Amino acid sequence: MSTSLIPFLEMNGSANEAIDFYVKALDAKVVYTLRFGDMPENPESPLPPEKKDLINYAILKIGESELQLSDHFTGGSYQKGTQVTIVVQTNDKDKATRYFEALKEGGQVNDPLQASFFSPAYGNITDKFGVTFRILTKGRQ
């Protein structure tokens, strides 16, 4: 039996947009999507029509890894993206550069993508949804 670490992103009503963005930026494939409107209705707590298209649970496949997303819209407080950091690791420096550049759109560069003692290309970026990614190319310089 193997163990995998799967990052889970809790979005604040923007999961549909995030899914579209990660499909383009990271070559993600949508494996599964369940919207709140697809679930059985609770007659004691009817779902407002504007919430039916929000994501209850989604799975994206990025290479051999999995990313899960959900929209948060009930109870408790929500703090955009600060709970999750995701490492995107590849053997291909060009692919790392492409990922970094795509995630940079509307985001903030924390550490520019550059060679380091542990990687030919490493960078840290917070995307437009507030999710921090560490882009890492495997291998030595």
N, C-alpha and C. Protein backbone atom coordinates (compact mmCIF):
# COMPACT_ATOMS: atom_id res chain seq x y z
N MET A 1 0.85 -1.19 0.00
CA MET A 1 0.00 0.00 0.00
C MET A 1 0.89 1.24 0.00
N SER A 2 0.56 2.20 -0.84
CA SER A 2 1.34 3.42 -0.89
C SER A 2 0.55 4.58 -0.29
N THR A 3 1.27 5.61 0.06
CA THR A 3 0.67 6.81 0.62
C THR A 3 0.98 7.98 -0.28
N SER A 4 -0.01 8.80 -0.57
CA SER A 4 0.18 10.00 -1.38
C SER A 4 -0.23 11.22 -0.60
N LEU A 5 0.45 12.30 -0.81
CA LEU A 5 0.03 13.58 -0.25
C LEU A 5 -0.72 14.32 -1.35
N ILE A 6 -1.96 14.67 -1.09
CA ILE A 6 -2.79 15.32 -2.10
C ILE A 6 -3.19 16.70 -1.59
N PRO A 7 -2.73 17.74 -2.22
CA PRO A 7 -3.14 19.07 -1.79
C PRO A 7 -4.62 19.29 -2.06
N PHE A 8 -5.26 19.96 -1.13
CA PHE A 8 -6.69 20.27 -1.23
C PHE A 8 -6.84 21.78 -1.11
N LEU A 9 -7.46 22.38 -2.10
CA LEU A 9 -7.66 23.81 -2.12
C LEU A 9 -9.11 24.15 -1.81
N GLU A 10 -9.32 24.94 -0.80
CA GLU A 10 -10.66 25.39 -0.48
C GLU A 10 -10.81 26.81 -1.00
N MET A 11 -11.63 26.97 -2.03
CA MET A 11 -11.81 28.24 -2.69
C MET A 11 -13.05 28.94 -2.11
N ASN A 12 -13.12 30.23 -2.33
CA ASN A 12 -14.23 31.03 -1.80
C ASN A 12 -15.18 31.42 -2.93
N GLY A 13 -15.74 30.39 -3.61
CA GLY A 13 -16.67 30.65 -4.71
C GLY A 13 -15.99 30.77 -6.06
N SER A 14 -14.66 30.53 -6.12
CA SER A 14 -13.94 30.68 -7.38
C SER A 14 -13.35 29.36 -7.88
N ALA A 15 -13.85 28.23 -7.41
CA ALA A 15 -13.29 26.93 -7.81
C ALA A 15 -13.45 26.68 -9.32
N ASN A 16 -14.57 27.05 -9.90
CA ASN A 16 -14.74 26.86 -11.35
C ASN A 16 -13.67 27.62 -12.13
N GLU A 17 -13.42 28.86 -11.76
CA GLU A 17 -12.40 29.67 -12.41
C GLU A 17 -11.01 29.07 -12.16
N ALA A 18 -10.76 28.61 -10.94
CA ALA A 18 -9.46 28.01 -10.61
C ALA A 18 -9.22 26.75 -11.43
N ILE A 19 -10.25 25.93 -11.58
CA ILE A 19 -10.12 24.70 -12.38
C ILE A 19 -9.73 25.06 -13.81
N ASP A 20 -10.43 26.00 -14.41
CA ASP A 20 -10.11 26.42 -15.78
C ASP A 20 -8.67 26.94 -15.87
N PHE A 21 -8.26 27.72 -14.88
CA PHE A 21 -6.93 28.29 -14.85
C PHE A 21 -5.86 27.21 -14.76
N TYR A 22 -6.03 26.22 -13.86
CA TYR A 22 -5.03 25.17 -13.67
C TYR A 22 -4.99 24.21 -14.86
N VAL A 23 -6.12 24.02 -15.53
CA VAL A 23 -6.12 23.22 -16.77
C VAL A 23 -5.18 23.86 -17.78
N LYS A 24 -5.26 25.18 -17.90
CA LYS A 24 -4.41 25.89 -18.86
C LYS A 24 -2.97 26.04 -18.36
N ALA A 25 -2.80 26.45 -17.10
CA ALA A 25 -1.46 26.77 -16.58
C ALA A 25 -0.61 25.54 -16.31
N LEU A 26 -1.23 24.43 -15.88
CA LEU A 26 -0.47 23.25 -15.45
C LEU A 26 -0.80 21.98 -16.22
N ASP A 27 -1.49 22.12 -17.35
CA ASP A 27 -1.90 20.95 -18.15
C ASP A 27 -2.73 19.97 -17.33
N ALA A 28 -3.51 20.47 -16.38
CA ALA A 28 -4.34 19.61 -15.53
C ALA A 28 -5.48 18.99 -16.34
N LYS A 29 -5.88 17.80 -15.94
CA LYS A 29 -7.03 17.11 -16.52
C LYS A 29 -8.09 17.01 -15.43
N VAL A 30 -9.33 17.37 -15.76
CA VAL A 30 -10.42 17.26 -14.80
C VAL A 30 -10.86 15.80 -14.75
N VAL A 31 -10.71 15.17 -13.58
CA VAL A 31 -11.05 13.77 -13.40
C VAL A 31 -12.46 13.61 -12.86
N TYR A 32 -12.88 14.54 -11.98
CA TYR A 32 -14.17 14.40 -11.33
C TYR A 32 -14.65 15.77 -10.87
N THR A 33 -15.92 16.04 -11.06
CA THR A 33 -16.52 17.28 -10.57
C THR A 33 -17.91 17.00 -10.02
N LEU A 34 -18.16 17.45 -8.81
CA LEU A 34 -19.49 17.37 -8.20
C LEU A 34 -19.87 18.78 -7.76
N ARG A 35 -20.91 19.30 -8.35
CA ARG A 35 -21.40 20.64 -7.99
C ARG A 35 -22.44 20.51 -6.88
N PHE A 36 -22.59 21.57 -6.11
CA PHE A 36 -23.59 21.55 -5.03
C PHE A 36 -24.98 21.28 -5.60
N GLY A 37 -25.26 21.78 -6.81
CA GLY A 37 -26.56 21.56 -7.44
C GLY A 37 -26.79 20.12 -7.89
N ASP A 38 -25.73 19.31 -7.98
CA ASP A 38 -25.84 17.91 -8.37
C ASP A 38 -26.20 17.00 -7.20
N MET A 39 -26.11 17.53 -6.00
CA MET A 39 -26.34 16.72 -4.81
C MET A 39 -27.83 16.70 -4.48
N PRO A 40 -28.28 15.66 -3.74
CA PRO A 40 -29.69 15.63 -3.32
C PRO A 40 -30.02 16.86 -2.47
N GLU A 41 -31.14 17.46 -2.75
CA GLU A 41 -31.57 18.67 -2.04
C GLU A 41 -32.06 18.32 -0.64
N ASN A 42 -31.64 19.12 0.32
CA ASN A 42 -32.15 19.01 1.69
C ASN A 42 -33.33 19.96 1.82
N PRO A 43 -34.57 19.42 1.96
CA PRO A 43 -35.75 20.30 2.00
C PRO A 43 -35.74 21.25 3.20
N GLU A 44 -35.03 20.88 4.27
CA GLU A 44 -34.97 21.74 5.45
C GLU A 44 -33.96 22.88 5.28
N SER A 45 -33.08 22.74 4.33
CA SER A 45 -32.08 23.77 4.07
C SER A 45 -31.85 23.86 2.56
N PRO A 46 -32.81 24.46 1.84
CA PRO A 46 -32.70 24.52 0.38
C PRO A 46 -31.49 25.36 -0.06
N LEU A 47 -30.90 24.92 -1.14
CA LEU A 47 -29.73 25.58 -1.69
C LEU A 47 -30.16 26.77 -2.54
N PRO A 48 -29.62 27.96 -2.27
CA PRO A 48 -29.96 29.11 -3.12
C PRO A 48 -29.53 28.86 -4.56
N PRO A 49 -30.31 29.28 -5.53
CA PRO A 49 -29.99 29.03 -6.95
C PRO A 49 -28.59 29.48 -7.35
N GLU A 50 -28.11 30.59 -6.80
CA GLU A 50 -26.78 31.10 -7.18
C GLU A 50 -25.63 30.24 -6.65
N LYS A 51 -25.92 29.29 -5.77
CA LYS A 51 -24.89 28.41 -5.22
C LYS A 51 -24.82 27.05 -5.93
N LYS A 52 -25.79 26.75 -6.78
CA LYS A 52 -25.87 25.42 -7.40
C LYS A 52 -24.69 25.08 -8.31
N ASP A 53 -24.05 26.09 -8.91
CA ASP A 53 -22.93 25.83 -9.82
C ASP A 53 -21.58 25.76 -9.09
N LEU A 54 -21.57 26.08 -7.79
CA LEU A 54 -20.33 26.01 -7.03
C LEU A 54 -19.86 24.57 -6.88
N ILE A 55 -18.55 24.39 -6.73
CA ILE A 55 -17.94 23.07 -6.66
C ILE A 55 -17.99 22.51 -5.24
N ASN A 56 -18.64 21.37 -5.09
CA ASN A 56 -18.62 20.66 -3.82
C ASN A 56 -17.31 19.90 -3.68
N TYR A 57 -16.87 19.28 -4.80
CA TYR A 57 -15.65 18.48 -4.78
C TYR A 57 -15.19 18.27 -6.22
N ALA A 58 -13.91 18.50 -6.47
CA ALA A 58 -13.35 18.26 -7.79
C ALA A 58 -11.96 17.66 -7.64
N ILE A 59 -11.60 16.83 -8.61
CA ILE A 59 -10.28 16.22 -8.65
C ILE A 59 -9.64 16.57 -9.98
N LEU A 60 -8.43 17.12 -9.91
CA LEU A 60 -7.63 17.38 -11.10
C LEU A 60 -6.42 16.47 -11.07
N LYS A 61 -6.01 16.01 -12.24
CA LYS A 61 -4.81 15.20 -12.38
C LYS A 61 -3.78 16.07 -13.08
N ILE A 62 -2.60 16.24 -12.46
CA ILE A 62 -1.52 17.02 -13.04
C ILE A 62 -0.31 16.10 -13.08
N GLY A 63 0.02 15.62 -14.27
CA GLY A 63 1.07 14.60 -14.38
C GLY A 63 0.61 13.36 -13.64
N GLU A 64 1.40 12.91 -12.69
CA GLU A 64 1.05 11.74 -11.87
C GLU A 64 0.44 12.16 -10.53
N SER A 65 0.23 13.44 -10.33
CA SER A 65 -0.26 13.96 -9.05
C SER A 65 -1.73 14.32 -9.13
N GLU A 66 -2.32 14.49 -7.97
CA GLU A 66 -3.74 14.83 -7.86
C GLU A 66 -3.90 16.11 -7.04
N LEU A 67 -4.83 16.93 -7.47
CA LEU A 67 -5.19 18.16 -6.77
C LEU A 67 -6.70 18.13 -6.56
N GLN A 68 -7.15 18.43 -5.34
CA GLN A 68 -8.57 18.44 -5.04
C GLN A 68 -9.00 19.86 -4.68
N LEU A 69 -10.21 20.23 -5.11
CA LEU A 69 -10.73 21.57 -4.86
C LEU A 69 -12.16 21.51 -4.38
N SER A 70 -12.55 22.53 -3.64
CA SER A 70 -13.92 22.68 -3.19
C SER A 70 -14.19 24.16 -2.98
N ASP A 71 -15.45 24.56 -3.12
CA ASP A 71 -15.85 25.92 -2.76
C ASP A 71 -16.32 25.94 -1.32
N HIS A 72 -15.88 26.94 -0.59
CA HIS A 72 -16.28 27.14 0.79
C HIS A 72 -17.32 28.27 0.79
N PHE A 73 -18.50 27.99 1.27
CA PHE A 73 -19.46 29.09 1.32
C PHE A 73 -20.40 29.04 2.52
N THR A 74 -20.22 28.08 3.42
CA THR A 74 -21.09 28.01 4.58
C THR A 74 -20.28 27.99 5.86
N GLY A 75 -20.75 28.70 6.88
CA GLY A 75 -20.14 28.68 8.21
C GLY A 75 -18.66 29.01 8.23
N GLY A 76 -18.16 29.34 9.39
CA GLY A 76 -16.74 29.57 9.60
C GLY A 76 -16.17 30.69 8.75
N SER A 77 -14.92 30.99 9.00
CA SER A 77 -14.27 32.05 8.23
C SER A 77 -13.39 31.42 7.15
N TYR A 78 -13.10 32.21 6.18
CA TYR A 78 -12.29 31.77 5.05
C TYR A 78 -11.14 32.74 4.89
N GLN A 79 -9.92 32.23 4.77
CA GLN A 79 -8.76 33.06 4.50
C GLN A 79 -8.11 32.57 3.22
N LYS A 80 -8.11 33.39 2.21
CA LYS A 80 -7.71 33.03 0.85
C LYS A 80 -6.32 32.42 0.77
N GLY A 81 -6.26 31.13 0.45
CA GLY A 81 -5.05 30.45 0.03
C GLY A 81 -3.89 30.27 0.98
N THR A 82 -3.97 30.77 2.20
CA THR A 82 -2.79 30.76 3.05
C THR A 82 -2.47 29.40 3.66
N GLN A 83 -3.36 28.46 3.63
CA GLN A 83 -3.15 27.17 4.27
C GLN A 83 -2.40 26.17 3.40
N VAL A 84 -2.25 26.43 2.12
CA VAL A 84 -1.72 25.41 1.22
C VAL A 84 -0.54 25.95 0.40
N THR A 85 0.50 25.16 0.34
CA THR A 85 1.60 25.39 -0.59
C THR A 85 1.76 24.11 -1.39
N ILE A 86 1.97 24.24 -2.67
CA ILE A 86 2.07 23.08 -3.54
C ILE A 86 3.41 23.10 -4.25
N VAL A 87 4.11 21.97 -4.21
CA VAL A 87 5.35 21.82 -4.96
C VAL A 87 5.01 21.20 -6.31
N VAL A 88 5.40 21.86 -7.39
CA VAL A 88 5.26 21.32 -8.73
C VAL A 88 6.67 20.94 -9.16
N GLN A 89 6.93 19.64 -9.22
CA GLN A 89 8.27 19.14 -9.51
C GLN A 89 8.31 18.49 -10.88
N THR A 90 9.33 18.82 -11.66
CA THR A 90 9.47 18.27 -13.01
C THR A 90 10.95 18.05 -13.33
N ASN A 91 11.24 17.20 -14.30
CA ASN A 91 12.61 17.00 -14.78
C ASN A 91 12.94 17.94 -15.94
N ASP A 92 11.94 18.67 -16.41
CA ASP A 92 12.06 19.48 -17.62
C ASP A 92 12.10 20.97 -17.26
N LYS A 93 13.25 21.59 -17.44
CA LYS A 93 13.43 23.00 -17.10
C LYS A 93 12.50 23.90 -17.93
N ASP A 94 12.31 23.57 -19.20
CA ASP A 94 11.41 24.37 -20.05
C ASP A 94 9.97 24.31 -19.55
N LYS A 95 9.56 23.12 -19.12
CA LYS A 95 8.21 22.97 -18.58
C LYS A 95 8.07 23.76 -17.28
N ALA A 96 9.11 23.71 -16.44
CA ALA A 96 9.09 24.48 -15.18
C ALA A 96 8.94 25.97 -15.48
N THR A 97 9.66 26.43 -16.49
CA THR A 97 9.58 27.84 -16.88
C THR A 97 8.17 28.18 -17.37
N ARG A 98 7.59 27.30 -18.18
CA ARG A 98 6.23 27.54 -18.70
C ARG A 98 5.22 27.59 -17.56
N TYR A 99 5.32 26.65 -16.61
CA TYR A 99 4.41 26.64 -15.46
C TYR A 99 4.55 27.94 -14.66
N PHE A 100 5.79 28.32 -14.39
CA PHE A 100 6.05 29.51 -13.60
C PHE A 100 5.45 30.75 -14.27
N GLU A 101 5.68 30.88 -15.56
CA GLU A 101 5.17 32.04 -16.30
C GLU A 101 3.64 32.06 -16.32
N ALA A 102 3.02 30.90 -16.47
CA ALA A 102 1.55 30.84 -16.50
C ALA A 102 0.97 31.19 -15.13
N LEU A 103 1.55 30.67 -14.07
CA LEU A 103 1.05 30.94 -12.72
C LEU A 103 1.30 32.39 -12.30
N LYS A 104 2.28 33.01 -12.90
CA LYS A 104 2.62 34.40 -12.59
C LYS A 104 1.51 35.37 -13.01
N GLU A 105 0.71 34.99 -14.00
CA GLU A 105 -0.34 35.86 -14.53
C GLU A 105 -1.31 36.26 -13.41
N GLY A 106 -1.30 37.52 -13.06
CA GLY A 106 -2.19 38.04 -12.02
C GLY A 106 -1.73 37.70 -10.61
N GLY A 107 -0.56 37.07 -10.49
CA GLY A 107 -0.06 36.66 -9.18
C GLY A 107 1.12 37.50 -8.73
N GLN A 108 1.88 36.94 -7.78
CA GLN A 108 3.03 37.64 -7.21
C GLN A 108 4.22 36.69 -7.15
N VAL A 109 5.36 37.13 -7.67
CA VAL A 109 6.59 36.35 -7.62
C VAL A 109 7.23 36.56 -6.25
N ASN A 110 7.40 35.47 -5.51
CA ASN A 110 8.05 35.53 -4.19
C ASN A 110 9.56 35.31 -4.32
N ASP A 111 9.96 34.35 -5.14
CA ASP A 111 11.35 34.08 -5.49
C ASP A 111 11.37 33.82 -6.99
N PRO A 112 12.14 34.58 -7.76
CA PRO A 112 12.16 34.36 -9.21
C PRO A 112 12.67 32.97 -9.57
N LEU A 113 12.22 32.47 -10.70
CA LEU A 113 12.68 31.17 -11.19
C LEU A 113 14.13 31.31 -11.62
N GLN A 114 15.01 30.56 -10.95
CA GLN A 114 16.44 30.64 -11.25
C GLN A 114 17.16 29.39 -10.75
N ALA A 115 18.39 29.22 -11.21
CA ALA A 115 19.20 28.09 -10.77
C ALA A 115 19.59 28.28 -9.31
N SER A 116 19.66 27.18 -8.59
CA SER A 116 20.11 27.20 -7.19
C SER A 116 21.01 26.00 -6.97
N PHE A 117 21.56 25.87 -5.78
CA PHE A 117 22.44 24.75 -5.50
C PHE A 117 21.72 23.41 -5.54
N PHE A 118 20.39 23.42 -5.39
CA PHE A 118 19.64 22.16 -5.36
C PHE A 118 18.78 21.92 -6.60
N SER A 119 18.76 22.89 -7.52
CA SER A 119 17.89 22.75 -8.69
C SER A 119 18.36 23.64 -9.83
N PRO A 120 18.26 23.14 -11.08
CA PRO A 120 18.56 24.00 -12.23
C PRO A 120 17.53 25.12 -12.41
N ALA A 121 16.34 24.96 -11.84
CA ALA A 121 15.31 25.99 -11.93
C ALA A 121 14.37 25.86 -10.74
N TYR A 122 14.40 26.85 -9.85
CA TYR A 122 13.52 26.86 -8.68
C TYR A 122 12.94 28.26 -8.53
N GLY A 123 11.65 28.33 -8.23
CA GLY A 123 11.00 29.60 -7.97
C GLY A 123 9.80 29.41 -7.09
N ASN A 124 9.37 30.49 -6.48
CA ASN A 124 8.22 30.47 -5.58
C ASN A 124 7.29 31.60 -6.01
N ILE A 125 6.02 31.25 -6.20
CA ILE A 125 5.06 32.23 -6.73
C ILE A 125 3.71 32.04 -6.06
N THR A 126 3.03 33.14 -5.80
CA THR A 126 1.66 33.08 -5.30
C THR A 126 0.76 33.49 -6.45
N ASP A 127 -0.16 32.60 -6.84
CA ASP A 127 -1.00 32.88 -8.01
C ASP A 127 -2.12 33.85 -7.67
N LYS A 128 -2.93 34.15 -8.66
CA LYS A 128 -3.99 35.15 -8.48
C LYS A 128 -5.08 34.70 -7.51
N PHE A 129 -5.08 33.44 -7.10
CA PHE A 129 -6.05 32.95 -6.12
C PHE A 129 -5.47 32.93 -4.71
N GLY A 130 -4.20 33.35 -4.55
CA GLY A 130 -3.56 33.36 -3.25
C GLY A 130 -2.92 32.05 -2.87
N VAL A 131 -2.79 31.11 -3.83
CA VAL A 131 -2.18 29.81 -3.58
C VAL A 131 -0.69 29.91 -3.94
N THR A 132 0.17 29.45 -3.02
CA THR A 132 1.61 29.52 -3.24
C THR A 132 2.13 28.22 -3.83
N PHE A 133 2.89 28.35 -4.91
CA PHE A 133 3.50 27.22 -5.60
C PHE A 133 5.01 27.35 -5.55
N ARG A 134 5.69 26.24 -5.31
CA ARG A 134 7.14 26.16 -5.43
C ARG A 134 7.41 25.33 -6.68
N ILE A 135 7.96 25.97 -7.69
CA ILE A 135 8.29 25.28 -8.94
C ILE A 135 9.72 24.77 -8.80
N LEU A 136 9.92 23.46 -9.01
CA LEU A 136 11.20 22.83 -8.78
C LEU A 136 11.54 21.89 -9.92
N THR A 137 12.72 22.11 -10.53
CA THR A 137 13.23 21.18 -11.52
C THR A 137 14.21 20.26 -10.83
N LYS A 138 13.97 18.96 -10.97
CA LYS A 138 14.84 17.96 -10.33
C LYS A 138 16.19 17.92 -11.02
N GLY A 139 17.20 17.54 -10.26
CA GLY A 139 18.55 17.40 -10.81
C GLY A 139 19.48 18.46 -10.27
N ARG A 140 20.71 18.31 -10.62
CA ARG A 140 21.74 19.27 -10.20
C ARG A 140 22.12 20.15 -11.38
N GLN A 141 22.64 21.28 -11.06
CA GLN A 141 23.05 22.23 -12.09
C GLN A 141 24.28 21.77 -12.80
